[in-house]
Amino acid sequence: MTNPPYAPPKLEKGTLRITPLGGLGEVGRNMTVYEIDGKLLIVDCGVLFPEVQHPGVDLILPDISKIEDRLGDIVAVVLTHGHEDHIGGVPYLLKLREDIPLVGSRLTLAFVEAKLKEHRIRPKTRVVAEGDRVEYGPFDLEFVAVNHSIPDALAVAIRTDAGLVIGTGDFKMDQLPLDGRITDLRAFAKLGEEGVDLFMTDSTNADVPGFTPLEKNIGPVIEQVIAKTPGKVVVASFSSHVHRVQQVLDAAHANGRRVVLLGRSMVRNMKIAADLGYLDVPEGVLVDLKKSGDIPDHRIVYMSTGSQGEPMAVLSRMVNREHQVEVGDGDTVIMASSLIPGNETSVYRVIDGLIKLGANVVHKGNAKVHVSGHAAAGELLYCYNIVRPKNVMPIHGEYRMLVANAALAIETGVPQNRTVIAENGTVVDLADGVARAVGQLDTEFIYVDGKSVGRVTDDDLRDRRTLAEEGFISVITVVEPTTAHIVSGPDIHAKGVAEEARVFEKIKPQIADALEAAMQDGVTDHHQLQQITRRTIGRWVGTKLRRKAMIVPVVVVV
């Protein structure tokens, strides 16, 4: 349920205003705006990947239109980590103002800079690490190490005159992480002793009981699957999942196999990770696709994108036989990632397609080939007990996840009236140690369609879905209103409608009769005549064909 919009009051001096513009009620396009004393701080600016109801859309952005008239007031953008749902929208924000400082860890900024280079943007960046403390305008920022499914993730503590806020970013509490970098609970405890006025916590796994399994348990399973596969192995994962790629490199090396990286973003990100020392590549394991033709199938592993069923990603193209790497009998495909909510249909369609081709498909449902990068309920309880916040605002997740997260906070002693379950556009003010919702903005999806940003509307997408699902019918008629005579037509042309053309012969006389009757009654405007045509054929198509096709009537007056 979406709250109806209502305007927030004028922001009082010394009050911190927090407005999420994406990431609440959904998994993706995370972006939160903090405002105090006339200055804005943005934490994260990610994207949401389109689902089946978004035909033709490439990416979905947070509603950055809400801050377009405040670009000069933005002091910095803090990026908690390098996943697309937290950094993918940065190029589109910087196209509005290129010199906004970007603040983040070394790997995060390296991923962002490579992305911005493709957009021909040279950003102003500042590398920070855990323990660093920097100031931007009225915001005093301190960074805390957190463990996630990508190296170098950071939580951010934001100190202002209104109090201390902690945003966790995406995190979990893996106690034996692959890179040895654990979530710094000592830093959280120290901040808790100082007094945390608002704790904004990752909700993605809040409705999952217990603790997220260890990442290190995945490597042996992947190695075992590779060892048992007689043919080629394809491993699909996110293009920024450095830890998973490391496990695949190690498993391939142990089995005497070479690894080919597939997908432009995968190749780009892993080169960056290797150059910066976040990815340890065994000598001679990586090989370029162009040089892999002579390697036998039982000696090769392909590391690809497409684990979410994206239509243009490598795995989907393999299913459609549109990629030079083909899979079949004796081959294994490992889907080494979680399902992002909303992508289930696309992913299972890819899995079915791979199995039809003869491949063995290993996924989270039938083998332990992936663990989540997000804290489950048990880990969140630990955090609440350590931090002891005065107020809690769950972030990052669908609505049920936000509610589950708030319930955990309440269990640990946070008063129910101090938990804020917000939506995108909810305006939350922190003043005098109390956080409360004071307004609701009407936020929208900003669609990226090719080079077009924000020009595609929900009405456009509705038309695209209608064309795809119901078909298209055009009706062309030439009339002479002065004599109420049909000069030619109606000519009916249909696309995407299963019925044969002769079916429409039954409706043509009815359209002609309706037009002649209208002209005899004095209707001469071609727009009105087109509406009469639309209604006549529309009723018939709905009743006789049981379809809701897009109907385009054209009436030419002579």
Protein backbone atom coordinates (compact mmCIF):
# COMPACT_ATOMS: atom_id res chain seq x y z
CA MET A 1 0.00 0.00 0.00
CA THR A 2 1.40 3.37 -1.01
CA ASN A 3 0.81 6.34 1.25
CA PRO A 4 -1.02 9.26 -0.42
CA PRO A 5 1.25 12.24 -1.08
CA TYR A 6 1.23 15.11 1.40
CA ALA A 7 3.63 18.01 1.67
CA PRO A 8 6.18 18.05 4.50
CA PRO A 9 6.46 21.20 6.65
CA LYS A 10 9.23 23.74 6.14
CA LEU A 11 12.49 22.26 7.41
CA GLU A 12 13.49 23.83 10.72
CA LYS A 13 17.10 24.81 11.36
CA GLY A 14 18.98 22.04 13.14
CA THR A 15 16.57 19.30 11.98
CA LEU A 16 17.87 16.48 9.79
CA ARG A 17 15.53 15.49 6.96
CA ILE A 18 15.89 12.01 5.42
CA THR A 19 14.15 11.16 2.15
CA PRO A 20 14.62 7.79 0.40
CA LEU A 21 14.13 8.16 -3.36
CA GLY A 22 14.62 4.46 -4.12
CA GLY A 23 15.32 1.12 -2.45
CA LEU A 24 12.30 0.91 -0.14
CA GLY A 25 9.54 -1.50 -1.13
CA GLU A 26 11.89 -2.97 -3.74
CA VAL A 27 15.30 -4.61 -4.08
CA GLY A 28 17.38 -2.14 -6.07
CA ARG A 29 17.86 1.54 -7.08
CA ASN A 30 18.96 2.46 -3.56
CA MET A 31 19.24 6.19 -2.92
CA THR A 32 18.70 8.30 0.22
CA VAL A 33 18.93 12.08 0.54
CA TYR A 34 19.90 13.74 3.83
CA GLU A 35 19.27 17.46 4.32
CA ILE A 36 20.22 19.89 7.07
CA ASP A 37 20.83 23.64 7.09
CA GLY A 38 20.20 23.92 3.36
CA LYS A 39 22.73 21.26 2.28
CA LEU A 40 22.15 17.80 0.83
CA LEU A 41 24.12 14.57 1.24
CA ILE A 42 23.26 11.59 -0.95
CA VAL A 43 24.03 8.02 0.09
CA ASP A 44 24.09 5.60 -2.87
CA CYS A 45 22.55 6.05 -6.31
CA GLY A 46 21.73 2.67 -7.82
CA VAL A 47 19.55 1.12 -10.49
CA LEU A 48 16.75 -1.40 -10.62
CA PHE A 49 16.80 -3.89 -13.47
CA PRO A 50 13.60 -4.10 -15.55
CA GLU A 51 11.11 -6.94 -15.21
CA VAL A 52 8.70 -8.42 -17.75
CA GLN A 53 6.27 -5.51 -17.25
CA HIS A 54 8.94 -3.07 -18.47
CA PRO A 55 9.35 -4.00 -22.18
CA GLY A 56 12.14 -2.11 -23.93
CA VAL A 57 13.49 -0.55 -20.72
CA ASP A 58 17.22 -0.91 -20.02
CA LEU A 59 17.43 0.43 -16.46
CA ILE A 60 15.21 2.04 -13.82
CA LEU A 61 16.62 4.95 -11.80
CA PRO A 62 15.66 6.49 -8.46
CA ASP A 63 13.46 9.56 -8.79
CA ILE A 64 16.34 12.03 -9.17
CA SER A 65 13.88 14.58 -10.55
CA LYS A 66 13.03 15.38 -6.92
CA ILE A 67 16.46 17.00 -6.44
CA GLU A 68 17.03 18.51 -9.89
CA ASP A 69 16.33 22.01 -8.56
CA ARG A 70 18.74 21.46 -5.63
CA LEU A 71 21.83 20.24 -7.48
CA GLY A 72 23.93 23.15 -6.22
CA ASP A 73 23.16 22.20 -2.61
CA ILE A 74 24.57 18.65 -2.89
CA VAL A 75 27.86 18.47 -0.95
CA ALA A 76 28.72 14.83 -1.79
CA VAL A 77 27.50 11.39 -2.85
CA VAL A 78 28.62 8.57 -0.53
CA LEU A 79 28.74 5.12 -2.14
CA THR A 80 28.63 2.23 0.33
CA HIS A 81 29.83 -0.46 -2.12
CA GLY A 82 30.22 -1.29 -5.79
CA HIS A 83 27.09 -3.25 -6.72
CA GLU A 84 24.91 -1.90 -9.52
CA ASP A 85 21.91 -1.38 -7.26
CA HIS A 86 24.02 1.16 -5.35
CA ILE A 87 26.21 2.78 -8.03
CA GLY A 88 24.47 2.20 -11.37
CA GLY A 89 22.58 5.52 -11.31
CA VAL A 90 25.65 7.68 -10.66
CA PRO A 91 26.31 8.52 -14.35
CA TYR A 92 22.77 9.85 -14.76
CA LEU A 93 23.08 12.02 -11.64
CA LEU A 94 26.46 13.39 -12.70
CA LYS A 95 25.11 14.25 -16.13
CA LEU A 96 23.02 16.83 -14.27
CA ARG A 97 26.05 18.17 -12.33
CA GLU A 98 29.42 16.63 -13.11
CA ASP A 99 31.46 18.03 -10.20
CA ILE A 100 29.50 16.45 -7.33
CA PRO A 101 32.16 14.77 -5.13
CA LEU A 102 31.95 10.96 -5.00
CA VAL A 103 33.09 9.38 -1.72
CA GLY A 104 33.73 5.66 -1.33
CA SER A 105 36.26 2.88 -0.90
CA ARG A 106 39.01 2.20 -3.42
CA LEU A 107 37.31 -0.69 -5.23
CA THR A 108 33.91 1.01 -5.23
CA LEU A 109 35.26 4.18 -6.82
CA ALA A 110 37.31 2.18 -9.32
CA PHE A 111 34.12 0.45 -10.52
CA VAL A 112 32.32 3.79 -10.70
CA GLU A 113 35.14 5.53 -12.56
CA ALA A 114 35.20 2.78 -15.20
CA LYS A 115 31.44 3.16 -15.65
CA LEU A 116 31.69 6.95 -15.86
CA LYS A 117 34.45 6.71 -18.46
CA GLU A 118 31.94 5.08 -20.80
CA HIS A 119 29.72 8.14 -20.30
CA ARG A 120 32.70 10.46 -20.84
CA ILE A 121 32.45 11.87 -17.33
CA ARG A 122 35.57 12.63 -15.26
CA PRO A 123 34.40 12.57 -11.66
CA LYS A 124 35.71 14.29 -8.58
CA THR A 125 36.42 11.43 -6.16
CA ARG A 126 37.66 10.88 -2.63
CA VAL A 127 38.83 7.46 -1.48
CA VAL A 128 38.01 6.56 2.11
CA ALA A 129 38.53 3.44 4.23
CA GLU A 130 37.17 2.08 7.47
CA GLY A 131 38.05 4.34 10.40
CA ASP A 132 38.29 7.46 8.23
CA ARG A 133 36.39 10.56 9.26
CA VAL A 134 35.70 13.38 6.78
CA GLU A 135 33.47 16.44 6.65
CA TYR A 136 31.30 17.75 3.84
CA GLY A 137 29.40 20.91 4.78
CA PRO A 138 27.31 20.22 7.89
CA PHE A 139 27.85 16.45 7.60
CA ASP A 140 30.60 14.74 9.63
CA LEU A 141 31.09 11.26 8.13
CA GLU A 142 32.77 8.23 9.69
CA PHE A 143 33.19 4.95 7.85
CA VAL A 144 32.88 1.44 9.27
CA ALA A 145 33.97 -1.84 7.64
CA VAL A 146 31.11 -4.21 6.85
CA ASN A 147 31.18 -7.63 5.22
CA HIS A 148 29.13 -8.12 2.04
CA SER A 149 29.30 -10.13 -1.19
CA ILE A 150 31.81 -7.63 -2.60
CA PRO A 151 35.07 -6.39 -1.05
CA ASP A 152 35.48 -2.94 0.47
CA ALA A 153 31.87 -2.37 1.59
CA LEU A 154 31.34 0.38 4.14
CA ALA A 155 28.68 1.54 6.56
CA VAL A 156 28.53 5.28 7.14
CA ALA A 157 27.94 7.14 10.40
CA ILE A 158 26.55 10.63 9.76
CA ARG A 159 26.94 13.21 12.51
CA THR A 160 24.98 16.44 12.30
CA ASP A 161 23.61 18.98 14.77
CA ALA A 162 20.43 16.87 14.82
CA GLY A 163 22.23 13.74 16.04
CA LEU A 164 24.06 10.61 14.92
CA VAL A 165 22.69 8.41 12.13
CA ILE A 166 24.17 5.09 10.96
CA GLY A 167 23.39 3.68 7.52
CA THR A 168 24.65 0.11 7.25
CA GLY A 169 24.54 -0.19 3.46
CA ASP A 170 24.23 -3.85 2.46
CA PHE A 171 25.95 -6.07 5.00
CA LYS A 172 26.14 -9.41 6.76
CA MET A 173 28.20 -10.81 9.65
CA ASP A 174 30.23 -13.62 8.09
CA GLN A 175 32.74 -14.50 10.82
CA LEU A 176 35.13 -16.30 8.45
CA PRO A 177 35.04 -14.16 5.29
CA LEU A 178 37.17 -14.98 2.28
CA ASP A 179 39.08 -11.70 2.51
CA GLY A 180 39.38 -11.73 6.31
CA ARG A 181 37.47 -8.43 6.57
CA ILE A 182 34.63 -8.81 9.07
CA THR A 183 31.84 -6.41 9.96
CA ASP A 184 33.39 -4.17 12.63
CA LEU A 185 31.05 -4.70 15.56
CA ARG A 186 33.52 -2.94 17.87
CA ALA A 187 33.05 0.24 15.84
CA PHE A 188 29.27 -0.21 15.98
CA ALA A 189 29.50 -0.66 19.76
CA LYS A 190 31.60 2.47 20.13
CA LEU A 191 29.06 4.47 18.13
CA GLY A 192 26.33 2.93 20.26
CA GLU A 193 28.02 4.19 23.41
CA GLU A 194 28.12 7.67 21.86
CA GLY A 195 24.38 7.41 21.27
CA VAL A 196 22.83 6.51 17.92
CA ASP A 197 19.75 8.59 17.23
CA LEU A 198 18.72 6.71 14.07
CA PHE A 199 19.85 3.28 12.85
CA MET A 200 19.07 2.60 9.17
CA THR A 201 19.60 -1.10 8.52
CA ASP A 202 19.65 -3.46 5.54
CA SER A 203 16.35 -5.39 5.44
CA THR A 204 16.91 -7.80 2.55
CA ASN A 205 17.07 -10.93 4.73
CA ALA A 206 15.18 -9.65 7.77
CA ASP A 207 12.46 -12.26 7.24
CA VAL A 208 15.00 -15.11 7.06
CA PRO A 209 15.56 -16.72 10.49
CA GLY A 210 18.98 -17.50 11.92
CA PHE A 211 22.28 -16.54 10.34
CA THR A 212 23.50 -16.28 6.76
CA PRO A 213 25.76 -19.29 5.96
CA LEU A 214 29.50 -18.81 5.52
CA GLU A 215 30.83 -17.77 2.12
CA LYS A 216 33.80 -20.14 2.47
CA ASN A 217 31.48 -23.16 2.31
CA ILE A 218 30.66 -22.42 -1.33
CA GLY A 219 34.15 -22.97 -2.78
CA PRO A 220 34.36 -26.74 -2.11
CA VAL A 221 30.91 -27.29 -3.64
CA ILE A 222 31.85 -25.43 -6.83
CA GLU A 223 35.12 -27.38 -7.00
CA GLN A 224 33.25 -30.68 -6.61
CA VAL A 225 30.77 -29.80 -9.38
CA ILE A 226 33.59 -28.83 -11.73
CA ALA A 227 35.49 -32.03 -10.95
CA LYS A 228 32.47 -34.19 -11.84
CA THR A 229 31.61 -32.43 -15.10
CA PRO A 230 32.87 -34.24 -18.22
CA GLY A 231 32.33 -31.25 -20.51
CA LYS A 232 32.55 -27.50 -20.21
CA VAL A 233 31.39 -25.59 -17.13
CA VAL A 234 29.60 -22.23 -17.20
CA VAL A 235 29.26 -20.30 -13.94
CA ALA A 236 26.81 -17.38 -13.95
CA SER A 237 27.02 -14.66 -11.33
CA PHE A 238 26.86 -10.91 -10.88
CA SER A 239 29.61 -9.09 -12.73
CA SER A 240 30.84 -7.46 -9.51
CA HIS A 241 30.86 -10.58 -7.26
CA VAL A 242 34.62 -10.68 -6.75
CA HIS A 243 34.47 -13.35 -4.05
CA ARG A 244 32.53 -15.77 -6.25
CA VAL A 245 34.90 -15.24 -9.17
CA GLN A 246 37.83 -15.93 -6.83
CA GLN A 247 36.26 -19.25 -5.81
CA VAL A 248 35.71 -20.20 -9.45
CA LEU A 249 39.32 -19.33 -10.37
CA ASP A 250 40.62 -21.43 -7.47
CA ALA A 251 38.32 -24.37 -8.25
CA ALA A 252 39.22 -24.31 -11.96
CA HIS A 253 42.94 -24.15 -11.15
CA ALA A 254 42.61 -27.13 -8.78
CA ASN A 255 41.00 -29.14 -11.60
CA GLY A 256 43.46 -28.16 -14.31
CA ARG A 257 41.01 -25.95 -16.16
CA ARG A 258 41.38 -22.53 -17.76
CA VAL A 259 38.85 -19.73 -17.13
CA VAL A 260 37.31 -17.42 -19.72
CA LEU A 261 35.44 -14.31 -18.50
CA LEU A 262 32.30 -13.59 -20.56
CA GLY A 263 30.36 -10.35 -20.60
CA ARG A 264 31.75 -6.84 -20.94
CA SER A 265 31.01 -5.82 -17.35
CA MET A 266 32.48 -9.07 -15.99
CA VAL A 267 35.74 -8.59 -17.93
CA ARG A 268 35.98 -4.92 -16.95
CA ASN A 269 35.25 -5.40 -13.24
CA MET A 270 37.52 -8.38 -12.74
CA LYS A 271 40.43 -6.63 -14.45
CA ILE A 272 39.96 -3.74 -12.03
CA ALA A 273 39.74 -6.09 -9.04
CA ALA A 274 42.88 -7.97 -10.13
CA ASP A 275 44.85 -4.77 -10.80
CA LEU A 276 43.98 -3.43 -7.32
CA GLY A 277 44.81 -6.70 -5.58
CA TYR A 278 41.26 -7.71 -4.61
CA LEU A 279 41.33 -10.73 -6.95
CA ASP A 280 44.18 -13.27 -6.82
CA VAL A 281 44.46 -14.81 -10.28
CA PRO A 282 46.49 -18.07 -10.38
CA GLU A 283 49.24 -17.99 -12.98
CA GLY A 284 48.04 -19.01 -16.43
CA VAL A 285 44.41 -19.65 -15.46
CA LEU A 286 42.74 -16.75 -17.26
CA VAL A 287 42.52 -16.90 -21.03
CA ASP A 288 40.85 -14.56 -23.51
CA LEU A 289 37.78 -15.88 -25.34
CA LYS A 290 39.45 -15.29 -28.71
CA LYS A 291 42.34 -17.57 -27.72
CA SER A 292 40.26 -20.33 -26.13
CA GLY A 293 39.15 -22.14 -29.28
CA ASP A 294 41.74 -24.94 -29.04
CA ILE A 295 41.07 -25.73 -25.35
CA PRO A 296 39.03 -28.95 -24.98
CA ASP A 297 35.68 -28.69 -23.17
CA HIS A 298 36.84 -30.70 -20.15
CA ARG A 299 39.63 -28.16 -19.58
CA ILE A 300 37.62 -24.94 -19.58
CA VAL A 301 35.30 -22.92 -17.34
CA TYR A 302 33.33 -19.91 -18.54
CA MET A 303 32.54 -17.24 -15.93
CA SER A 304 29.58 -15.27 -17.24
CA THR A 305 26.90 -12.73 -16.52
CA GLY A 306 23.18 -13.47 -16.79
CA SER A 307 22.30 -15.10 -13.46
CA GLN A 308 19.06 -13.06 -13.29
CA GLY A 309 17.78 -14.12 -16.71
CA GLU A 310 18.53 -10.75 -18.34
CA PRO A 311 17.57 -11.08 -22.01
CA MET A 312 20.79 -9.55 -23.37
CA ALA A 313 23.20 -11.17 -20.91
CA VAL A 314 25.49 -14.05 -21.86
CA LEU A 315 23.44 -16.91 -20.38
CA SER A 316 20.20 -15.93 -22.12
CA ARG A 317 22.06 -15.62 -25.41
CA MET A 318 23.44 -19.15 -24.90
CA VAL A 319 19.90 -20.44 -24.42
CA ASN A 320 18.82 -18.73 -27.64
CA ARG A 321 21.87 -20.07 -29.52
CA GLU A 322 23.02 -16.50 -30.12
CA HIS A 323 26.40 -16.82 -28.37
CA GLN A 324 29.54 -18.44 -29.73
CA VAL A 325 29.82 -20.57 -26.58
CA GLU A 326 27.28 -23.39 -26.88
CA VAL A 327 26.13 -25.71 -24.12
CA GLY A 328 24.72 -29.21 -24.43
CA ASP A 329 25.08 -32.80 -23.26
CA GLY A 330 27.87 -33.30 -20.72
CA ASP A 331 28.08 -29.59 -19.84
CA THR A 332 27.19 -28.02 -16.49
CA VAL A 333 25.83 -24.55 -15.78
CA ILE A 334 26.14 -23.24 -12.21
CA MET A 335 23.76 -20.41 -11.26
CA ALA A 336 25.86 -18.91 -8.48
CA SER A 337 23.63 -16.10 -7.22
CA SER A 338 20.41 -15.38 -5.37
CA LEU A 339 17.16 -14.65 -7.14
CA ILE A 340 16.33 -10.95 -7.05
CA PRO A 341 12.58 -10.70 -6.34
CA GLY A 342 10.69 -10.17 -9.57
CA ASN A 343 13.21 -12.05 -11.71
CA GLU A 344 11.94 -15.54 -10.93
CA THR A 345 10.09 -16.08 -14.22
CA SER A 346 13.05 -14.96 -16.33
CA VAL A 347 15.52 -17.09 -14.38
CA TYR A 348 13.43 -20.27 -14.53
CA ARG A 349 12.88 -19.70 -18.25
CA VAL A 350 16.68 -19.67 -18.69
CA ILE A 351 17.08 -22.78 -16.52
CA ASP A 352 14.44 -24.63 -18.56
CA GLY A 353 16.13 -23.56 -21.78
CA LEU A 354 19.53 -24.81 -20.61
CA ILE A 355 18.08 -28.18 -19.57
CA LYS A 356 16.35 -28.54 -22.96
CA LEU A 357 19.77 -28.07 -24.56
CA GLY A 358 21.02 -31.04 -22.51
CA ALA A 359 23.03 -29.18 -19.86
CA ASN A 360 23.06 -30.06 -16.17
CA VAL A 361 21.95 -26.96 -14.23
CA VAL A 362 23.13 -26.50 -10.65
CA HIS A 363 21.50 -23.70 -8.67
CA LYS A 364 20.77 -22.63 -5.12
CA GLY A 365 17.66 -24.81 -5.08
CA ASN A 366 19.54 -28.08 -5.60
CA ALA A 367 23.09 -27.38 -4.34
CA LYS A 368 24.89 -25.01 -2.01
CA VAL A 369 26.43 -22.86 -4.73
CA HIS A 370 25.48 -19.46 -3.33
CA VAL A 371 24.98 -17.70 -0.01
CA SER A 372 23.39 -14.32 0.46
CA GLY A 373 25.33 -11.13 1.07
CA HIS A 374 22.78 -9.84 3.56
CA ALA A 375 22.30 -10.26 7.30
CA ALA A 376 19.55 -12.63 8.40
CA ALA A 377 17.33 -12.04 11.43
CA GLY A 378 19.81 -13.41 13.98
CA GLU A 379 22.56 -11.07 12.78
CA LEU A 380 20.24 -8.06 12.84
CA LEU A 381 19.25 -8.84 16.43
CA TYR A 382 22.94 -8.80 17.40
CA CYS A 383 23.36 -5.40 15.74
CA TYR A 384 20.37 -3.88 17.49
CA ASN A 385 21.59 -5.14 20.86
CA ILE A 386 25.08 -3.77 20.22
CA VAL A 387 24.05 -0.36 18.89
CA ARG A 388 20.99 0.25 21.10
CA PRO A 389 19.55 2.94 18.81
CA LYS A 390 16.91 5.44 19.89
CA ASN A 391 15.10 5.18 16.54
CA VAL A 392 15.15 2.63 13.71
CA MET A 393 14.30 3.01 10.03
CA PRO A 394 14.64 -0.19 7.97
CA ILE A 395 16.00 0.33 4.44
CA HIS A 396 16.85 -1.76 1.35
CA GLY A 397 14.09 -4.29 0.76
CA GLU A 398 10.54 -5.09 -0.19
CA TYR A 399 7.77 -4.01 2.18
CA ARG A 400 7.50 -7.35 3.99
CA MET A 401 11.25 -7.19 4.65
CA LEU A 402 11.01 -3.69 6.08
CA VAL A 403 8.18 -4.77 8.40
CA ALA A 404 10.13 -7.86 9.54
CA ASN A 405 13.18 -5.71 10.24
CA ALA A 406 11.15 -3.25 12.32
CA ALA A 407 9.71 -6.18 14.31
CA LEU A 408 13.24 -7.34 15.17
CA ALA A 409 14.13 -3.87 16.43
CA ILE A 410 11.02 -3.83 18.60
CA GLU A 411 11.93 -7.26 20.03
CA THR A 412 15.26 -5.84 21.24
CA GLY A 413 13.58 -2.96 23.06
CA VAL A 414 13.21 -0.18 20.50
CA PRO A 415 9.77 1.37 21.17
CA GLN A 416 7.27 0.71 18.39
CA ASN A 417 6.63 4.45 18.00
CA ARG A 418 10.37 4.90 17.37
CA THR A 419 10.43 2.55 14.37
CA VAL A 420 9.70 4.22 11.05
CA ILE A 421 8.51 2.00 8.20
CA ALA A 422 8.99 4.32 5.25
CA GLU A 423 8.41 4.08 1.52
CA ASN A 424 10.12 5.75 -1.38
CA GLY A 425 9.38 9.44 -1.01
CA THR A 426 8.57 9.30 2.71
CA VAL A 427 10.01 12.41 4.37
CA VAL A 428 11.44 11.63 7.82
CA ASP A 429 12.63 14.36 10.19
CA LEU A 430 15.07 13.72 13.04
CA ALA A 431 14.87 16.35 15.78
CA ASP A 432 15.31 16.24 19.56
CA GLY A 433 16.18 12.55 19.41
CA VAL A 434 12.92 11.56 17.71
CA ALA A 435 12.49 10.38 14.09
CA ARG A 436 9.04 10.71 12.57
CA ALA A 437 7.45 10.74 9.13
CA VAL A 438 6.32 14.28 8.24
CA GLY A 439 5.50 14.04 4.54
CA GLN A 440 5.15 11.85 1.49
CA LEU A 441 6.46 12.79 -1.95
CA ASP A 442 4.94 11.32 -5.09
CA THR A 443 8.00 9.48 -6.43
CA GLU A 444 8.14 7.86 -9.85
CA PHE A 445 10.21 5.36 -11.79
CA ILE A 446 12.73 7.04 -14.08
CA TYR A 447 13.18 4.76 -17.09
CA VAL A 448 16.32 4.53 -19.20
CA ASP A 449 15.43 3.41 -22.71
CA GLY A 450 18.45 3.52 -24.98
CA LYS A 451 19.69 7.11 -24.84
CA SER A 452 16.37 8.36 -23.51
CA VAL A 453 16.18 9.06 -19.76
CA GLY A 454 12.83 9.80 -18.17
CA ARG A 455 10.93 10.22 -21.44
CA VAL A 456 9.31 6.78 -21.34
CA THR A 457 6.18 6.90 -19.18
CA ASP A 458 4.02 4.25 -17.53
CA ASP A 459 1.47 4.91 -20.29
CA ASP A 460 4.14 4.10 -22.89
CA LEU A 461 4.92 0.83 -21.13
CA ARG A 462 1.21 0.00 -20.95
CA ASP A 463 1.01 0.49 -24.73
CA ARG A 464 4.07 -1.72 -25.24
CA ARG A 465 2.55 -4.48 -23.09
CA THR A 466 -0.70 -4.22 -25.02
CA LEU A 467 1.15 -4.52 -28.33
CA ALA A 468 3.10 -7.52 -27.06
CA GLU A 469 0.19 -9.34 -25.43
CA GLU A 470 -2.94 -8.34 -27.37
CA GLY A 471 -1.77 -7.21 -30.80
CA PHE A 472 -2.38 -4.21 -33.05
CA ILE A 473 -5.32 -3.41 -35.34
CA SER A 474 -5.48 -0.45 -37.72
CA VAL A 475 -8.65 0.63 -39.54
CA ILE A 476 -8.36 2.99 -42.50
CA THR A 477 -11.48 4.58 -44.01
CA VAL A 478 -11.90 7.39 -46.56
CA VAL A 479 -15.20 9.32 -46.21
CA GLU A 480 -17.06 12.20 -47.85
CA PRO A 481 -19.13 13.84 -45.08
CA THR A 482 -21.14 16.15 -47.36
CA THR A 483 -22.81 13.13 -48.96
CA ALA A 484 -22.37 10.84 -45.90
CA HIS A 485 -20.63 8.42 -48.22
CA ILE A 486 -17.81 5.90 -47.66
CA VAL A 487 -15.31 6.49 -50.47
CA SER A 488 -13.12 3.48 -49.63
CA GLY A 489 -12.69 1.01 -46.81
CA PRO A 490 -12.85 0.24 -44.04
CA ASP A 491 -9.54 -1.54 -44.58
CA ILE A 492 -8.42 -3.50 -41.55
CA HIS A 493 -4.83 -4.59 -40.90
CA ALA A 494 -3.90 -6.66 -37.85
CA LYS A 495 -0.54 -7.62 -36.34
CA GLY A 496 -0.04 -9.97 -33.44
CA VAL A 497 -3.64 -11.14 -33.62
CA ALA A 498 -3.92 -14.88 -34.22
CA GLU A 499 -7.15 -14.77 -36.23
CA GLU A 500 -7.01 -14.75 -40.03
CA ALA A 501 -7.76 -11.57 -41.97
CA ARG A 502 -11.12 -12.82 -43.23
CA VAL A 503 -12.48 -12.79 -39.66
CA PHE A 504 -12.63 -8.98 -39.87
CA GLU A 505 -14.99 -9.08 -42.89
CA LYS A 506 -17.86 -9.45 -40.38
CA ILE A 507 -17.18 -6.12 -38.67
CA LYS A 508 -16.50 -3.97 -41.74
CA PRO A 509 -20.20 -3.39 -42.60
CA GLN A 510 -20.90 -2.39 -38.97
CA ILE A 511 -18.09 0.19 -39.06
CA ALA A 512 -19.36 1.57 -42.37
CA ASP A 513 -22.94 1.76 -41.06
CA ALA A 514 -21.83 3.55 -37.88
CA LEU A 515 -19.81 6.12 -39.84
CA GLU A 516 -22.58 6.78 -42.37
CA ALA A 517 -25.14 7.21 -39.58
CA ALA A 518 -22.87 9.67 -37.80
CA MET A 519 -22.27 11.72 -40.98
CA GLN A 520 -26.00 11.81 -41.67
CA ASP A 521 -26.41 13.27 -38.17
CA GLY A 522 -23.99 16.04 -39.07
CA VAL A 523 -20.70 14.65 -37.69
CA THR A 524 -17.91 15.84 -39.99
CA ASP A 525 -14.84 16.07 -37.73
CA HIS A 526 -12.40 13.27 -38.50
CA HIS A 527 -11.38 12.92 -34.83
CA GLN A 528 -14.98 12.18 -33.84
CA LEU A 529 -15.35 9.76 -36.73
CA GLN A 530 -12.16 7.97 -35.64
CA GLN A 531 -13.58 7.57 -32.12
CA ILE A 532 -16.75 6.06 -33.55
CA THR A 533 -14.59 3.61 -35.52
CA ARG A 534 -12.56 2.77 -32.39
CA ARG A 535 -15.66 2.09 -30.28
CA THR A 536 -17.35 -0.02 -32.94
CA ILE A 537 -14.44 -2.35 -33.66
CA GLY A 538 -13.29 -2.29 -30.03
CA ARG A 539 -16.60 -3.69 -28.75
CA TRP A 540 -16.58 -6.34 -31.47
CA VAL A 541 -12.96 -7.41 -30.86
CA GLY A 542 -13.58 -7.60 -27.10
CA THR A 543 -16.77 -9.65 -27.47
CA LYS A 544 -15.96 -11.90 -30.44
CA LEU A 545 -12.19 -12.29 -30.19
CA ARG A 546 -11.79 -11.82 -26.43
CA ARG A 547 -8.87 -9.48 -26.98
CA LYS A 548 -7.94 -5.94 -25.94
CA ALA A 549 -5.79 -5.09 -28.92
CA MET A 550 -4.38 -1.63 -29.54
CA ILE A 551 -6.70 -0.05 -32.10
CA VAL A 552 -5.54 2.79 -34.34
CA PRO A 553 -8.38 4.19 -36.48
CA VAL A 554 -7.56 6.50 -39.38
CA VAL A 555 -10.39 8.43 -41.07
CA VAL A 556 -9.47 10.52 -44.11
CA VAL A 557 -12.02 13.21 -45.02
CA VAL A 558 -12.31 14.21 -48.71
